[in-house]
PDB file of all heavy atoms in Angstrom:
ATOM      1  N   LEU A   1       0.833  -1.219   0.020  1.00  0.00           N
ATOM      2  CA  LEU A   1      -0.024  -0.017   0.022  1.00  0.00           C
ATOM      3  C   LEU A   1       0.896   1.267   0.018  1.00  0.00           C
ATOM      4  O   LEU A   1       0.388   2.318  -0.247  1.00  0.00           O
ATOM      5  CB  LEU A   1      -0.890   0.047   1.212  1.00  0.00           C
ATOM      6  CG  LEU A   1      -2.058  -1.097   1.143  1.00  0.00           C
ATOM      7  CD1 LEU A   1      -2.816  -0.937   2.426  1.00  0.00           C
ATOM      8  CD2 LEU A   1      -2.947  -0.940   0.071  1.00  0.00           C
ATOM      9  N   ASN A   2       2.159   1.065   0.363  1.00  0.00           N
ATOM     10  CA  ASN A   2       3.026   2.213   0.298  1.00  0.00           C
ATOM     11  C   ASN A   2       4.253   1.970  -0.620  1.00  0.00           C
ATOM     12  O   ASN A   2       5.361   2.205  -0.382  1.00  0.00           O
ATOM     13  CB  ASN A   2       3.667   2.443   1.704  1.00  0.00           C
ATOM     14  CG  ASN A   2       2.624   2.959   2.679  1.00  0.00           C
ATOM     15  OD1 ASN A   2       2.244   4.153   2.765  1.00  0.00           O
ATOM     16  ND2 ASN A   2       1.932   2.017   3.409  1.00  0.00           N
ATOM     17  N   LEU A   3       3.841   1.550  -1.782  1.00  0.00           N
ATOM     18  CA  LEU A   3       4.943   1.049  -2.849  1.00  0.00           C
ATOM     19  C   LEU A   3       5.806   2.202  -3.165  1.00  0.00           C
ATOM     20  O   LEU A   3       5.473   3.395  -3.258  1.00  0.00           O
ATOM     21  CB  LEU A   3       4.122   0.619  -4.080  1.00  0.00           C
ATOM     22  CG  LEU A   3       5.021  -0.151  -5.157  1.00  0.00           C
ATOM     23  CD1 LEU A   3       5.537  -1.413  -4.587  1.00  0.00           C
ATOM     24  CD2 LEU A   3       4.215  -0.418  -6.384  1.00  0.00           C
ATOM     25  N   ASN A   4       7.186   1.821  -3.242  1.00  0.00           N
ATOM     26  CA  ASN A   4       8.212   2.768  -3.466  1.00  0.00           C
ATOM     27  C   ASN A   4       8.391   3.879  -2.431  1.00  0.00           C
ATOM     28  O   ASN A   4       9.082   4.794  -2.621  1.00  0.00           O
ATOM     29  CB  ASN A   4       7.988   3.469  -4.903  1.00  0.00           C
ATOM     30  CG  ASN A   4       7.967   2.383  -5.960  1.00  0.00           C
ATOM     31  OD1 ASN A   4       8.730   1.461  -5.913  1.00  0.00           O
ATOM     32  ND2 ASN A   4       6.976   2.622  -6.948  1.00  0.00           N
ATOM     33  N   LYS A   5       7.696   3.721  -1.306  1.00  0.00           N
ATOM     34  CA  LYS A   5       7.953   4.578  -0.144  1.00  0.00           C
ATOM     35  C   LYS A   5       8.654   3.891   0.987  1.00  0.00           C
ATOM     36  O   LYS A   5       8.337   2.781   1.199  1.00  0.00           O
ATOM     37  CB  LYS A   5       6.602   5.185   0.276  1.00  0.00           C
ATOM     38  CG  LYS A   5       5.873   5.999  -0.769  1.00  0.00           C
ATOM     39  CD  LYS A   5       4.522   6.497  -0.216  1.00  0.00           C
ATOM     40  CE  LYS A   5       3.717   7.305  -1.266  1.00  0.00           C
ATOM     41  NZ  LYS A   5       2.376   7.631  -0.781  1.00  0.00           N
ATOM     42  N   THR A   6       9.457   4.677   1.682  1.00  0.00           N
ATOM     43  CA  THR A   6      10.126   4.119   2.827  1.00  0.00           C
ATOM     44  C   THR A   6       9.234   3.990   4.079  1.00  0.00           C
ATOM     45  O   THR A   6       8.666   5.055   4.451  1.00  0.00           O
ATOM     46  CB  THR A   6      11.462   4.881   3.170  1.00  0.00           C
ATOM     47  OG1 THR A   6      12.338   4.832   2.023  1.00  0.00           O
ATOM     48  CG2 THR A   6      12.210   4.294   4.409  1.00  0.00           C
ATOM     49  N   ILE A   7       9.191   2.855   4.683  1.00  0.00           N
ATOM     50  CA  ILE A   7       8.216   2.677   5.910  1.00  0.00           C
ATOM     51  C   ILE A   7       9.223   2.578   7.055  1.00  0.00           C
ATOM     52  O   ILE A   7      10.160   1.743   7.010  1.00  0.00           O
ATOM     53  CB  ILE A   7       7.281   1.503   5.747  1.00  0.00           C
ATOM     54  CG1 ILE A   7       6.502   1.697   4.649  1.00  0.00           C
ATOM     55  CG2 ILE A   7       6.515   1.347   7.042  1.00  0.00           C
ATOM     56  CD1 ILE A   7       5.692   0.309   4.238  1.00  0.00           C
ATOM     57  N   SER A   8       9.067   3.323   8.124  1.00  0.00           N
ATOM     58  CA  SER A   8      10.005   3.303   9.239  1.00  0.00           C
ATOM     59  C   SER A   8       9.815   2.054   9.999  1.00  0.00           C
ATOM     60  O   SER A   8       8.661   1.420  10.009  1.00  0.00           O
ATOM     61  CB  SER A   8       9.711   4.552  10.150  1.00  0.00           C
ATOM     62  OG  SER A   8       8.469   4.435  10.736  1.00  0.00           O
ATOM     63  N   LYS A   9      10.770   1.745  10.794  1.00  0.00           N
ATOM     64  CA  LYS A   9      10.671   0.545  11.616  1.00  0.00           C
ATOM     65  C   LYS A   9       9.657   0.706  12.689  1.00  0.00           C
ATOM     66  O   LYS A   9       8.884  -0.179  13.079  1.00  0.00           O
ATOM     67  CB  LYS A   9      12.074   0.282  12.344  1.00  0.00           C
ATOM     68  CG  LYS A   9      13.119  -0.210  11.358  1.00  0.00           C
ATOM     69  CD  LYS A   9      14.430  -0.616  12.071  1.00  0.00           C
ATOM     70  CE  LYS A   9      15.406  -1.217  11.176  1.00  0.00           C
ATOM     71  NZ  LYS A   9      16.584  -1.698  12.014  1.00  0.00           N
ATOM     72  N   GLU A  10       9.561   2.035  13.136  1.00  0.00           N
ATOM     73  CA  GLU A  10       8.543   2.233  14.210  1.00  0.00           C
ATOM     74  C   GLU A  10       7.103   2.135  13.689  1.00  0.00           C
ATOM     75  O   GLU A  10       6.283   1.460  14.450  1.00  0.00           O
ATOM     76  CB  GLU A  10       8.750   3.757  14.638  1.00  0.00           C
ATOM     77  CG  GLU A  10       9.950   4.026  15.442  1.00  0.00           C
ATOM     78  CD  GLU A  10      11.190   4.138  14.539  1.00  0.00           C
ATOM     79  OE1 GLU A  10      11.112   4.216  13.330  1.00  0.00           O
ATOM     80  OE2 GLU A  10      12.345   4.044  15.120  1.00  0.00           O
ATOM     81  N   ARG A  11       6.929   2.445  12.508  1.00  0.00           N
ATOM     82  CA  ARG A  11       5.553   2.290  11.866  1.00  0.00           C
ATOM     83  C   ARG A  11       5.259   0.853  11.689  1.00  0.00           C
ATOM     84  O   ARG A  11       4.065   0.321  12.004  1.00  0.00           O
ATOM     85  CB  ARG A  11       5.437   3.108  10.557  1.00  0.00           C
ATOM     86  CG  ARG A  11       4.022   2.970  10.063  1.00  0.00           C
ATOM     87  CD  ARG A  11       3.957   3.857   8.722  1.00  0.00           C
ATOM     88  NE  ARG A  11       2.636   3.627   8.109  1.00  0.00           N
ATOM     89  CZ  ARG A  11       2.299   4.076   6.925  1.00  0.00           C
ATOM     90  NH1 ARG A  11       3.242   4.707   6.210  1.00  0.00           N
ATOM     91  NH2 ARG A  11       1.031   3.892   6.422  1.00  0.00           N
ATOM     92  N   LEU A  12       6.245  -0.011  11.211  1.00  0.00           N
ATOM     93  CA  LEU A  12       6.048  -1.351  10.977  1.00  0.00           C
ATOM     94  C   LEU A  12       5.664  -2.006  12.347  1.00  0.00           C
ATOM     95  O   LEU A  12       4.819  -2.853  12.462  1.00  0.00           O
ATOM     96  CB  LEU A  12       7.283  -2.003  10.448  1.00  0.00           C
ATOM     97  CG  LEU A  12       7.433  -1.899   8.917  1.00  0.00           C
ATOM     98  CD1 LEU A  12       8.943  -2.277   8.456  1.00  0.00           C
ATOM     99  CD2 LEU A  12       6.396  -2.768   8.296  1.00  0.00           C
ATOM    100  N   MET A  13       6.546  -1.678  13.421  1.00  0.00           N
ATOM    101  CA  MET A  13       6.295  -2.408  14.703  1.00  0.00           C
ATOM    102  C   MET A  13       4.943  -1.975  15.340  1.00  0.00           C
ATOM    103  O   MET A  13       4.301  -2.869  15.867  1.00  0.00           O
ATOM    104  CB  MET A  13       7.427  -2.000  15.694  1.00  0.00           C
ATOM    105  CG  MET A  13       8.737  -2.619  15.226  1.00  0.00           C
ATOM    106  SD  MET A  13      10.089  -2.418  16.561  1.00  0.00           S
ATOM    107  CE  MET A  13      10.432  -0.688  16.220  1.00  0.00           C
ATOM    108  N   GLN A  14       4.503  -0.815  15.030  1.00  0.00           N
ATOM    109  CA  GLN A  14       3.167  -0.350  15.655  1.00  0.00           C
ATOM    110  C   GLN A  14       2.050  -1.078  14.950  1.00  0.00           C
ATOM    111  O   GLN A  14       1.045  -1.418  15.512  1.00  0.00           O
ATOM    112  CB  GLN A  14       3.033   1.152  15.482  1.00  0.00           C
ATOM    113  CG  GLN A  14       1.640   1.713  15.940  1.00  0.00           C
ATOM    114  CD  GLN A  14       1.529   1.473  17.450  1.00  0.00           C
ATOM    115  OE1 GLN A  14       2.435   1.523  18.250  1.00  0.00           O
ATOM    116  NE2 GLN A  14       0.326   1.117  17.764  1.00  0.00           N
ATOM    117  N   ASN A  15       2.199  -1.326  13.564  1.00  0.00           N
ATOM    118  CA  ASN A  15       1.188  -2.081  12.870  1.00  0.00           C
ATOM    119  C   ASN A  15       1.159  -3.550  13.161  1.00  0.00           C
ATOM    120  O   ASN A  15       0.108  -4.106  13.301  1.00  0.00           O
ATOM    121  CB  ASN A  15       1.408  -1.897  11.324  1.00  0.00           C
ATOM    122  CG  ASN A  15       0.743  -0.567  10.842  1.00  0.00           C
ATOM    123  OD1 ASN A  15      -0.402  -0.629  10.365  1.00  0.00           O
ATOM    124  ND2 ASN A  15       1.511   0.505  10.935  1.00  0.00           N
ATOM    125  N   ILE A  16       2.349  -4.058  13.449  1.00  0.00           N
ATOM    126  CA  ILE A  16       2.415  -5.515  13.724  1.00  0.00           C
ATOM    127  C   ILE A  16       1.966  -5.880  15.212  1.00  0.00           C
ATOM    128  O   ILE A  16       1.134  -6.702  15.398  1.00  0.00           O
ATOM    129  CB  ILE A  16       3.806  -5.981  13.602  1.00  0.00           C
ATOM    130  CG1 ILE A  16       4.202  -5.932  12.085  1.00  0.00           C
ATOM    131  CG2 ILE A  16       3.891  -7.512  13.970  1.00  0.00           C
ATOM    132  CD1 ILE A  16       5.745  -6.171  11.819  1.00  0.00           C
ATOM    133  N   TRP A  17       2.559  -5.108  16.205  1.00  0.00           N
ATOM    134  CA  TRP A  17       2.217  -5.372  17.625  1.00  0.00           C
ATOM    135  C   TRP A  17       1.481  -4.178  18.121  1.00  0.00           C
ATOM    136  O   TRP A  17       2.070  -3.377  18.769  1.00  0.00           O
ATOM    137  CB  TRP A  17       3.531  -5.673  18.320  1.00  0.00           C
ATOM    138  CG  TRP A  17       4.203  -6.837  17.851  1.00  0.00           C
ATOM    139  CD1 TRP A  17       3.659  -8.232  18.050  1.00  0.00           C
ATOM    140  CD2 TRP A  17       5.327  -7.032  17.120  1.00  0.00           C
ATOM    141  NE1 TRP A  17       4.596  -9.129  17.386  1.00  0.00           N
ATOM    142  CE2 TRP A  17       5.558  -8.375  16.892  1.00  0.00           C
ATOM    143  CE3 TRP A  17       6.237  -6.010  16.553  1.00  0.00           C
ATOM    144  CZ2 TRP A  17       6.647  -8.795  16.112  1.00  0.00           C
ATOM    145  CZ3 TRP A  17       7.376  -6.483  15.940  1.00  0.00           C
ATOM    146  CH2 TRP A  17       7.525  -7.834  15.652  1.00  0.00           C
ATOM    147  N   GLN A  18       0.254  -4.078  17.840  1.00  0.00           N
ATOM    148  CA  GLN A  18      -0.593  -2.924  18.205  1.00  0.00           C
ATOM    149  C   GLN A  18      -0.693  -2.623  19.637  1.00  0.00           C
ATOM    150  O   GLN A  18      -0.856  -1.477  20.182  1.00  0.00           O
ATOM    151  CB  GLN A  18      -2.011  -3.187  17.672  1.00  0.00           C
ATOM    152  CG  GLN A  18      -2.106  -3.257  16.188  1.00  0.00           C
ATOM    153  CD  GLN A  18      -3.492  -3.588  15.734  1.00  0.00           C
ATOM    154  OE1 GLN A  18      -4.490  -3.368  16.416  1.00  0.00           O
ATOM    155  NE2 GLN A  18      -3.589  -3.971  14.461  1.00  0.00           N
ATOM    156  N   GLY A  19      -0.515  -3.650  20.521  1.00  0.00           N
ATOM    157  CA  GLY A  19      -0.528  -3.497  21.936  1.00  0.00           C
ATOM    158  C   GLY A  19       0.789  -2.905  22.513  1.00  0.00           C
ATOM    159  O   GLY A  19       0.869  -2.487  23.705  1.00  0.00           O
ATOM    160  N   GLY A  20       1.826  -2.955  21.690  1.00  0.00           N
ATOM    161  CA  GLY A  20       3.080  -2.418  22.107  1.00  0.00           C
ATOM    162  C   GLY A  20       3.751  -3.243  23.150  1.00  0.00           C
ATOM    163  O   GLY A  20       4.657  -2.865  23.911  1.00  0.00           O
ATOM    164  N   LEU A  21       3.368  -4.543  23.258  1.00  0.00           N
ATOM    165  CA  LEU A  21       3.869  -5.347  24.396  1.00  0.00           C
ATOM    166  C   LEU A  21       5.069  -6.245  23.996  1.00  0.00           C
ATOM    167  O   LEU A  21       5.698  -6.881  24.732  1.00  0.00           O
ATOM    168  CB  LEU A  21       2.725  -6.243  24.949  1.00  0.00           C
ATOM    169  CG  LEU A  21       1.549  -5.544  25.494  1.00  0.00           C
ATOM    170  CD1 LEU A  21       0.385  -6.421  25.654  1.00  0.00           C
ATOM    171  CD2 LEU A  21       1.985  -4.831  26.804  1.00  0.00           C
ATOM    172  N   PHE A  22       5.312  -6.336  22.619  1.00  0.00           N
ATOM    173  CA  PHE A  22       6.471  -7.213  22.203  1.00  0.00           C
ATOM    174  C   PHE A  22       7.040  -6.497  21.034  1.00  0.00           C
ATOM    175  O   PHE A  22       7.042  -6.882  19.882  1.00  0.00           O
ATOM    176  CB  PHE A  22       5.896  -8.589  21.707  1.00  0.00           C
ATOM    177  CG  PHE A  22       6.887  -9.573  21.406  1.00  0.00           C
ATOM    178  CD1 PHE A  22       7.828  -9.911  22.356  1.00  0.00           C
ATOM    179  CD2 PHE A  22       6.974 -10.092  20.097  1.00  0.00           C
ATOM    180  CE1 PHE A  22       8.847 -10.862  22.022  1.00  0.00           C
ATOM    181  CE2 PHE A  22       7.986 -11.055  19.794  1.00  0.00           C
ATOM    182  CZ  PHE A  22       8.965 -11.384  20.675  1.00  0.00           C
ATOM    183  N   ILE A  23       7.651  -5.337  21.257  1.00  0.00           N
ATOM    184  CA  ILE A  23       8.244  -4.512  20.263  1.00  0.00           C
ATOM    185  C   ILE A  23       9.673  -4.404  20.460  1.00  0.00           C
ATOM    186  O   ILE A  23      10.186  -3.729  21.441  1.00  0.00           O
ATOM    187  CB  ILE A  23       7.569  -3.082  20.297  1.00  0.00           C
ATOM    188  CG1 ILE A  23       6.116  -3.262  20.100  1.00  0.00           C
ATOM    189  CG2 ILE A  23       8.273  -2.254  19.231  1.00  0.00           C
ATOM    190  CD1 ILE A  23       5.411  -1.873  20.094  1.00  0.00           C
ATOM    191  N   THR A  24      10.515  -5.126  19.663  1.00  0.00           N
ATOM    192  CA  THR A  24      12.007  -5.059  19.558  1.00  0.00           C
ATOM    193  C   THR A  24      12.354  -4.945  18.245  1.00  0.00           C
ATOM    194  O   THR A  24      11.756  -5.661  17.366  1.00  0.00           O
ATOM    195  CB  THR A  24      12.679  -6.092  20.420  1.00  0.00           C
ATOM    196  OG1 THR A  24      12.448  -7.327  19.616  1.00  0.00           O
ATOM    197  CG2 THR A  24      12.068  -6.384  21.790  1.00  0.00           C
ATOM    198  N   GLU A  25      13.454  -4.308  17.875  1.00  0.00           N
ATOM    199  CA  GLU A  25      14.000  -4.280  16.577  1.00  0.00           C
ATOM    200  C   GLU A  25      14.516  -5.664  16.181  1.00  0.00           C
ATOM    201  O   GLU A  25      14.467  -6.028  14.991  1.00  0.00           O
ATOM    202  CB  GLU A  25      15.126  -3.270  16.431  1.00  0.00           C
ATOM    203  CG  GLU A  25      14.560  -1.813  16.311  1.00  0.00           C
ATOM    204  CD  GLU A  25      15.535  -0.898  15.737  1.00  0.00           C
ATOM    205  OE1 GLU A  25      16.643  -1.347  15.123  1.00  0.00           O
ATOM    206  OE2 GLU A  25      15.591   0.303  15.946  1.00  0.00           O
ATOM    207  N   ASN A  26      14.937  -6.405  17.075  1.00  0.00           N
ATOM    208  CA  ASN A  26      15.397  -7.735  16.810  1.00  0.00           C
ATOM    209  C   ASN A  26      14.300  -8.542  16.365  1.00  0.00           C
ATOM    210  O   ASN A  26      14.502  -9.261  15.264  1.00  0.00           O
ATOM    211  CB  ASN A  26      15.996  -8.387  18.167  1.00  0.00           C
ATOM    212  CG  ASN A  26      16.903  -9.533  17.798  1.00  0.00           C
ATOM    213  OD1 ASN A  26      17.345  -9.727  16.694  1.00  0.00           O
ATOM    214  ND2 ASN A  26      17.134 -10.412  18.742  1.00  0.00           N
ATOM    215  N   ALA A  27      13.154  -8.555  16.942  1.00  0.00           N
ATOM    216  CA  ALA A  27      12.020  -9.307  16.498  1.00  0.00           C
ATOM    217  C   ALA A  27      11.493  -8.879  15.089  1.00  0.00           C
ATOM    218  O   ALA A  27      11.109  -9.774  14.242  1.00  0.00           O
ATOM    219  CB  ALA A  27      10.822  -9.086  17.496  1.00  0.00           C
ATOM    220  N   LEU A  28      11.620  -7.527  14.940  1.00  0.00           N
ATOM    221  CA  LEU A  28      11.019  -7.001  13.536  1.00  0.00           C
ATOM    222  C   LEU A  28      12.219  -7.559  12.448  1.00  0.00           C
ATOM    223  O   LEU A  28      11.753  -7.885  11.402  1.00  0.00           O
ATOM    224  CB  LEU A  28      11.181  -5.451  13.585  1.00  0.00           C
ATOM    225  CG  LEU A  28      10.832  -4.749  12.301  1.00  0.00           C
ATOM    226  CD1 LEU A  28       9.451  -5.138  11.730  1.00  0.00           C
ATOM    227  CD2 LEU A  28      11.043  -3.240  12.355  1.00  0.00           C
ATOM    228  N   ASN A  29      13.442  -7.465  12.847  1.00  0.00           N
ATOM    229  CA  ASN A  29      14.484  -7.928  11.765  1.00  0.00           C
ATOM    230  C   ASN A  29      14.311  -9.345  11.453  1.00  0.00           C
ATOM    231  O   ASN A  29      14.451  -9.732  10.280  1.00  0.00           O
ATOM    232  CB  ASN A  29      15.932  -7.621  12.346  1.00  0.00           C
ATOM    233  CG  ASN A  29      16.116  -6.175  12.495  1.00  0.00           C
ATOM    234  OD1 ASN A  29      15.570  -5.377  11.845  1.00  0.00           O
ATOM    235  ND2 ASN A  29      17.090  -5.822  13.366  1.00  0.00           N
ATOM    236  N   VAL A  30      13.941 -10.130  12.397  1.00  0.00           N
ATOM    237  CA  VAL A  30      13.707 -11.680  12.136  1.00  0.00           C
ATOM    238  C   VAL A  30      12.550 -11.805  11.260  1.00  0.00           C
ATOM    239  O   VAL A  30      12.580 -12.604  10.343  1.00  0.00           O
ATOM    240  CB  VAL A  30      13.486 -12.469  13.484  1.00  0.00           C
ATOM    241  CG1 VAL A  30      13.142 -13.846  13.138  1.00  0.00           C
ATOM    242  CG2 VAL A  30      14.895 -12.447  14.257  1.00  0.00           C
ATOM    243  N   ASN A  31      11.466 -11.054  11.553  1.00  0.00           N
ATOM    244  CA  ASN A  31      10.131 -11.199  10.718  1.00  0.00           C
ATOM    245  C   ASN A  31      10.455 -10.753   9.268  1.00  0.00           C
ATOM    246  O   ASN A  31      10.052 -11.419   8.356  1.00  0.00           O
ATOM    247  CB  ASN A  31       9.117 -10.335  11.278  1.00  0.00           C
ATOM    248  CG  ASN A  31       8.187 -11.179  12.289  1.00  0.00           C
ATOM    249  OD1 ASN A  31       7.515 -12.040  11.970  1.00  0.00           O
ATOM    250  ND2 ASN A  31       8.492 -10.836  13.560  1.00  0.00           N
ATOM    251  N   LEU A  32      11.241  -9.645   9.119  1.00  0.00           N
ATOM    252  CA  LEU A  32      11.560  -9.171   7.835  1.00  0.00           C
ATOM    253  C   LEU A  32      12.480 -10.120   7.020  1.00  0.00           C
ATOM    254  O   LEU A  32      12.344 -10.267   5.800  1.00  0.00           O
ATOM    255  CB  LEU A  32      12.208  -7.712   7.836  1.00  0.00           C
ATOM    256  CG  LEU A  32      11.082  -6.693   8.036  1.00  0.00           C
ATOM    257  CD1 LEU A  32      11.617  -5.408   8.652  1.00  0.00           C
ATOM    258  CD2 LEU A  32      10.461  -6.420   6.623  1.00  0.00           C
ATOM    259  N   SER A  33      13.449 -10.789   7.782  1.00  0.00           N
ATOM    260  CA  SER A  33      14.263 -11.681   7.091  1.00  0.00           C
ATOM    261  C   SER A  33      13.514 -12.897   6.675  1.00  0.00           C
ATOM    262  O   SER A  33      13.801 -13.387   5.492  1.00  0.00           O
ATOM    263  CB  SER A  33      15.352 -12.117   8.130  1.00  0.00           C
ATOM    264  OG  SER A  33      16.147 -13.075   7.632  1.00  0.00           O
ATOM    265  N   ARG A  34      12.539 -13.386   7.431  1.00  0.00           N
ATOM    266  CA  ARG A  34      11.637 -14.475   6.909  1.00  0.00           C
ATOM    267  C   ARG A  34      10.806 -14.027   5.771  1.00  0.00           C
ATOM    268  O   ARG A  34      10.667 -14.859   4.829  1.00  0.00           O
ATOM    269  CB  ARG A  34      10.798 -14.859   8.206  1.00  0.00           C
ATOM    270  CG  ARG A  34      10.132 -16.229   8.098  1.00  0.00           C
ATOM    271  CD  ARG A  34       9.388 -16.547   9.365  1.00  0.00           C
ATOM    272  NE  ARG A  34       8.350 -15.551   9.662  1.00  0.00           N
ATOM    273  CZ  ARG A  34       7.713 -15.444  10.796  1.00  0.00           C
ATOM    274  NH1 ARG A  34       8.016 -16.323  11.735  1.00  0.00           N
ATOM    275  NH2 ARG A  34       6.724 -14.598  10.993  1.00  0.00           N
ATOM    276  N   LEU A  35      10.315 -12.857   5.875  1.00  0.00           N
ATOM    277  CA  LEU A  35       9.493 -12.386   4.724  1.00  0.00           C
ATOM    278  C   LEU A  35      10.325 -12.276   3.555  1.00  0.00           C
ATOM    279  O   LEU A  35       9.939 -12.627   2.382  1.00  0.00           O
ATOM    280  CB  LEU A  35       8.926 -11.051   4.979  1.00  0.00           C
ATOM    281  CG  LEU A  35       8.037 -10.369   3.917  1.00  0.00           C
ATOM    282  CD1 LEU A  35       6.956 -11.116   3.428  1.00  0.00           C
ATOM    283  CD2 LEU A  35       7.658  -8.923   4.348  1.00  0.00           C
ATOM    284  N   ARG A  36      11.531 -11.775   3.612  1.00  0.00           N
ATOM    285  CA  ARG A  36      12.472 -11.605   2.553  1.00  0.00           C
ATOM    286  C   ARG A  36      12.683 -12.896   1.723  1.00  0.00           C
ATOM    287  O   ARG A  36      12.765 -13.000   0.548  1.00  0.00           O
ATOM    288  CB  ARG A  36      13.765 -10.937   2.872  1.00  0.00           C
ATOM    289  CG  ARG A  36      14.542 -10.321   1.749  1.00  0.00           C
ATOM    290  CD  ARG A  36      15.871  -9.883   2.196  1.00  0.00           C
ATOM    291  NE  ARG A  36      15.803  -8.781   3.206  1.00  0.00           N
ATOM    292  CZ  ARG A  36      15.719  -7.596   2.896  1.00  0.00           C
ATOM    293  NH1 ARG A  36      15.596  -7.107   1.667  1.00  0.00           N
ATOM    294  NH2 ARG A  36      15.602  -6.562   3.967  1.00  0.00           N
ATOM    295  N   ASN A  37      12.889 -13.986   2.611  1.00  0.00           N
ATOM    296  CA  ASN A  37      13.189 -15.351   2.095  1.00  0.00           C
ATOM    297  C   ASN A  37      11.932 -15.858   1.323  1.00  0.00           C
ATOM    298  O   ASN A  37      12.070 -16.543   0.223  1.00  0.00           O
ATOM    299  CB  ASN A  37      13.484 -16.305   3.204  1.00  0.00           C
ATOM    300  CG  ASN A  37      14.893 -16.057   3.848  1.00  0.00           C
ATOM    301  OD1 ASN A  37      15.736 -15.606   3.013  1.00  0.00           O
ATOM    302  ND2 ASN A  37      15.056 -16.406   5.016  1.00  0.00           N
ATOM    303  N   LYS A  38      10.757 -15.527   1.760  1.00  0.00           N
ATOM    304  CA  LYS A  38       9.555 -15.975   1.067  1.00  0.00           C
ATOM    305  C   LYS A  38       9.293 -15.126  -0.178  1.00  0.00           C
ATOM    306  O   LYS A  38       8.797 -15.751  -1.179  1.00  0.00           O
ATOM    307  CB  LYS A  38       8.252 -15.928   2.020  1.00  0.00           C
ATOM    308  CG  LYS A  38       8.242 -16.909   3.148  1.00  0.00           C
ATOM    309  CD  LYS A  38       6.923 -16.839   3.892  1.00  0.00           C
ATOM    310  CE  LYS A  38       6.924 -17.863   5.068  1.00  0.00           C
ATOM    311  NZ  LYS A  38       5.624 -17.986   5.787  1.00  0.00           N
TER     312      LYS A  38
END
């Protein structure tokens, strides 16, 4: 939905973990690495 636009890590984490209870850059990086492989 934001093609060709840079999405900040903070925005990604807020969208993924809406409750803000499990927000770490390490967790985000692992998820993105897994997505990249797929």
